[in-house]
Amino acid sequence: MPIALELPVPVARIRALRAGDEVVLSGRIATAREAAQRRLAARMEPAVRAALEGGVVYRCGPVVAPEPGGGWRFLAAGPSPSAPAEPWQAQVIARYGVRAVLGKGPVDPATRAALRDHGAVFLQPAGILAVSLARRIVRVRGVHLLDELGVTDAVWDLEVEGFPAVVLVDAQGDALGERGAGAAPPLSGAGA
């Protein structure tokens, strides 16, 4: 039975999770790929902090469409490879009060240390298609840095409901598959 996490989530609830736990996210998350993470690590963006504090940063380059009459609709929301964002991830976790990073590996030592130090976990979406994940986005609350970074790399402030994920690295720094937890998805991103 997956563990339901309402976002924002207290640090004690995150520290209780273990590698391999299945979770279902509901609440506020924000996307941020490499360009956004680089920007967020370099300077404080108060509106983005409001979206991320106690919440989830999703390494996702979405496919979106404008809605008639204004607003946006997500068509696809699959995870982006994590390696390009890793150099800035630890700073973003610390600066923005992030409780979970959602994406696919790799998870480098600096990010693992930040997960331990700040009470956060690394999650991977649980085995469904990017189109199905987009259906778990119930509202686009806003978009930040759109003019500077473009649609794919902007920071999308979202409301999700029933978003499935698996804990790949827990707040103790333990990774799925490293403690004899059985077959595990690779942390290197190969095949993920």
Protein backbone atom coordinates (compact mmCIF):
# COMPACT_ATOMS: atom_id res chain seq x y z
CA MET A 1 0.00 0.00 0.00
CA PRO A 2 1.57 3.32 -1.05
CA ILE A 3 2.19 5.98 1.58
CA ALA A 4 0.09 9.10 0.99
CA LEU A 5 2.08 12.33 1.27
CA GLU A 6 0.23 15.65 1.40
CA LEU A 7 2.46 18.52 0.30
CA PRO A 8 3.98 20.52 1.85
CA VAL A 9 5.22 17.71 4.07
CA PRO A 10 6.94 17.96 7.48
CA VAL A 11 10.57 16.87 7.68
CA ALA A 12 9.76 14.15 10.27
CA ARG A 13 7.42 12.45 7.78
CA ILE A 14 10.15 12.48 5.13
CA ARG A 15 12.81 11.14 7.51
CA ALA A 16 10.51 8.17 8.26
CA LEU A 17 10.55 7.04 4.60
CA ARG A 18 12.94 4.31 3.49
CA ALA A 19 14.44 3.43 0.12
CA GLY A 20 11.94 1.26 -1.72
CA ASP A 21 8.83 2.81 -0.16
CA GLU A 22 6.03 3.56 -2.60
CA VAL A 23 4.42 6.97 -2.15
CA VAL A 24 1.54 8.90 -3.66
CA LEU A 25 1.96 12.68 -3.76
CA SER A 26 -0.85 15.22 -3.53
CA GLY A 27 -0.36 18.97 -3.25
CA ARG A 28 2.06 21.53 -4.63
CA ILE A 29 5.16 20.65 -6.67
CA ALA A 30 7.34 22.67 -9.05
CA THR A 31 9.34 21.63 -12.10
CA ALA A 32 12.99 22.63 -12.53
CA ARG A 33 15.46 21.22 -15.01
CA GLU A 34 19.12 22.17 -15.50
CA ALA A 35 18.67 25.81 -16.56
CA ALA A 36 16.17 26.52 -13.78
CA GLN A 37 18.26 24.76 -11.14
CA ARG A 38 21.33 26.77 -12.17
CA ARG A 39 19.29 29.99 -11.83
CA LEU A 40 17.75 28.95 -8.49
CA ALA A 41 21.16 28.03 -7.04
CA ALA A 42 22.57 31.43 -8.08
CA ARG A 43 19.84 33.65 -6.64
CA MET A 44 16.77 33.49 -4.44
CA GLU A 45 13.43 33.53 -6.26
CA PRO A 46 10.83 34.20 -3.52
CA ALA A 47 7.84 33.03 -5.61
CA VAL A 48 9.63 29.76 -6.37
CA ARG A 49 10.57 29.31 -2.71
CA ALA A 50 6.86 29.55 -1.84
CA ALA A 51 6.18 26.71 -4.29
CA LEU A 52 9.08 24.52 -3.14
CA GLU A 53 9.31 24.96 0.63
CA GLY A 54 8.35 21.64 2.21
CA GLY A 55 7.54 20.33 -1.25
CA VAL A 56 8.89 18.64 -4.33
CA VAL A 57 11.13 19.80 -7.17
CA TYR A 58 10.35 17.73 -10.27
CA ARG A 59 13.08 17.40 -12.89
CA CYS A 60 10.64 17.50 -15.78
CA GLY A 61 10.61 19.15 -19.20
CA PRO A 62 6.87 19.19 -19.77
CA VAL A 63 4.85 19.30 -22.94
CA VAL A 64 2.20 21.97 -22.37
CA ALA A 65 -0.53 23.64 -24.40
CA PRO A 66 -2.30 26.95 -23.87
CA GLU A 67 -5.91 26.67 -22.73
CA PRO A 68 -8.62 28.58 -24.58
CA GLY A 69 -9.29 31.71 -22.57
CA GLY A 70 -5.91 31.59 -20.79
CA GLY A 71 -3.91 29.24 -18.63
CA TRP A 72 -2.05 26.05 -19.47
CA ARG A 73 -2.68 22.32 -19.72
CA PHE A 74 -0.01 19.63 -19.33
CA LEU A 75 0.03 17.03 -22.13
CA ALA A 76 3.08 15.06 -20.93
CA ALA A 77 5.05 15.23 -17.68
CA GLY A 78 7.72 12.54 -17.64
CA PRO A 79 10.98 12.85 -15.71
CA SER A 80 14.08 14.32 -17.34
CA PRO A 81 17.53 12.78 -16.92
CA SER A 82 18.97 14.10 -13.70
CA ALA A 83 22.69 14.30 -14.46
CA PRO A 84 22.55 17.80 -16.01
CA ALA A 85 20.88 19.27 -12.88
CA GLU A 86 23.06 17.50 -10.29
CA PRO A 87 25.72 20.25 -9.97
CA TRP A 88 23.07 22.60 -8.49
CA GLN A 89 20.71 20.18 -6.75
CA ALA A 90 22.28 20.31 -3.26
CA GLN A 91 22.13 24.13 -3.25
CA VAL A 92 18.49 24.13 -4.37
CA ILE A 93 17.53 21.61 -1.66
CA ALA A 94 19.18 23.78 1.01
CA ARG A 95 18.10 27.21 -0.25
CA TYR A 96 14.47 26.39 -1.07
CA GLY A 97 13.54 23.97 1.73
CA VAL A 98 12.86 21.10 -0.70
CA ARG A 99 11.66 17.83 0.90
CA ALA A 100 11.86 15.66 -2.24
CA VAL A 101 13.51 15.63 -5.64
CA LEU A 102 11.47 13.78 -8.25
CA GLY A 103 13.30 12.53 -11.34
CA LYS A 104 15.54 9.74 -12.50
CA GLY A 105 19.18 9.13 -11.62
CA PRO A 106 22.01 9.62 -11.22
CA VAL A 107 22.16 10.86 -7.65
CA ASP A 108 25.62 12.20 -6.93
CA PRO A 109 27.36 12.33 -3.51
CA ALA A 110 26.65 16.05 -2.99
CA THR A 111 22.92 15.51 -3.53
CA ARG A 112 22.93 12.50 -1.19
CA ALA A 113 24.62 14.61 1.48
CA ALA A 114 22.02 17.36 1.02
CA LEU A 115 19.22 14.79 1.35
CA ARG A 116 20.70 13.65 4.67
CA ASP A 117 21.52 17.13 5.96
CA HIS A 118 18.18 18.75 5.10
CA GLY A 119 15.72 15.85 5.51
CA ALA A 120 14.80 15.16 1.90
CA VAL A 121 14.41 12.12 -0.38
CA PHE A 122 14.98 11.34 -4.05
CA LEU A 123 11.90 9.91 -5.78
CA GLN A 124 11.34 8.35 -9.17
CA PRO A 125 7.90 8.35 -10.80
CA ALA A 126 6.42 4.87 -10.52
CA GLY A 127 6.27 3.14 -13.90
CA ILE A 128 3.59 5.01 -15.79
CA LEU A 129 3.78 7.00 -19.01
CA ALA A 130 4.45 10.73 -19.21
CA VAL A 131 0.93 11.26 -20.57
CA SER A 132 -0.55 9.42 -17.58
CA LEU A 133 1.61 11.46 -15.19
CA ALA A 134 0.28 14.65 -16.81
CA ARG A 135 -3.23 13.54 -15.87
CA ARG A 136 -2.15 13.65 -12.20
CA ILE A 137 -1.62 17.41 -12.56
CA VAL A 138 -4.94 18.91 -11.54
CA ARG A 139 -3.98 22.57 -11.77
CA VAL A 140 -1.25 24.85 -13.07
CA ARG A 141 -0.88 27.43 -10.30
CA GLY A 142 1.61 29.55 -12.23
CA VAL A 143 4.81 29.61 -14.20
CA HIS A 144 8.09 31.37 -13.27
CA LEU A 145 11.04 32.39 -15.46
CA LEU A 146 9.06 31.60 -18.63
CA ASP A 147 10.41 34.57 -20.61
CA GLU A 148 14.00 33.84 -19.56
CA LEU A 149 14.05 30.04 -19.91
CA GLY A 150 11.24 29.08 -22.30
CA VAL A 151 8.36 26.65 -21.88
CA THR A 152 10.36 23.46 -21.31
CA ASP A 153 12.83 24.89 -18.80
CA ALA A 154 10.57 27.32 -16.93
CA VAL A 155 9.58 26.59 -13.34
CA TRP A 156 6.00 25.31 -13.42
CA ASP A 157 4.11 25.63 -10.12
CA LEU A 158 1.65 22.74 -10.06
CA GLU A 159 -1.01 21.02 -7.98
CA VAL A 160 -0.92 17.22 -8.25
CA GLU A 161 -3.23 14.51 -6.99
CA GLY A 162 -2.33 10.84 -6.65
CA PHE A 163 1.12 11.19 -8.27
CA PRO A 164 2.87 7.79 -7.82
CA ALA A 165 6.57 7.50 -6.99
CA VAL A 166 9.17 5.25 -5.36
CA VAL A 167 11.84 6.38 -2.88
CA LEU A 168 15.19 5.74 -4.58
CA VAL A 169 17.36 7.49 -1.97
CA ASP A 170 16.05 8.14 1.53
CA ALA A 171 16.91 10.90 4.01
CA GLN A 172 19.58 8.65 5.56
CA GLY A 173 21.34 8.49 2.18
CA ASP A 174 20.47 4.83 1.63
CA ALA A 175 19.64 3.90 -1.96
CA LEU A 176 17.25 1.26 -3.24
CA GLY A 177 19.19 -1.90 -4.07
CA GLU A 178 22.19 -1.05 -1.88
CA ARG A 179 20.82 -2.73 1.25
CA GLY A 180 19.70 -6.02 -0.24
CA ALA A 181 16.27 -4.64 -1.07
CA GLY A 182 16.06 -6.89 -4.13
CA ALA A 183 15.94 -5.85 -7.76
CA ALA A 184 16.04 -2.11 -8.08
CA PRO A 185 15.85 0.45 -10.83
CA PRO A 186 19.34 1.71 -11.64
CA LEU A 187 20.44 4.97 -10.01
CA SER A 188 22.67 5.71 -12.97
CA GLY A 189 19.71 6.49 -15.18
CA ALA A 190 20.59 3.64 -17.56
CA GLY A 191 17.33 2.16 -18.69
CA ALA A 192 15.36 4.35 -16.31
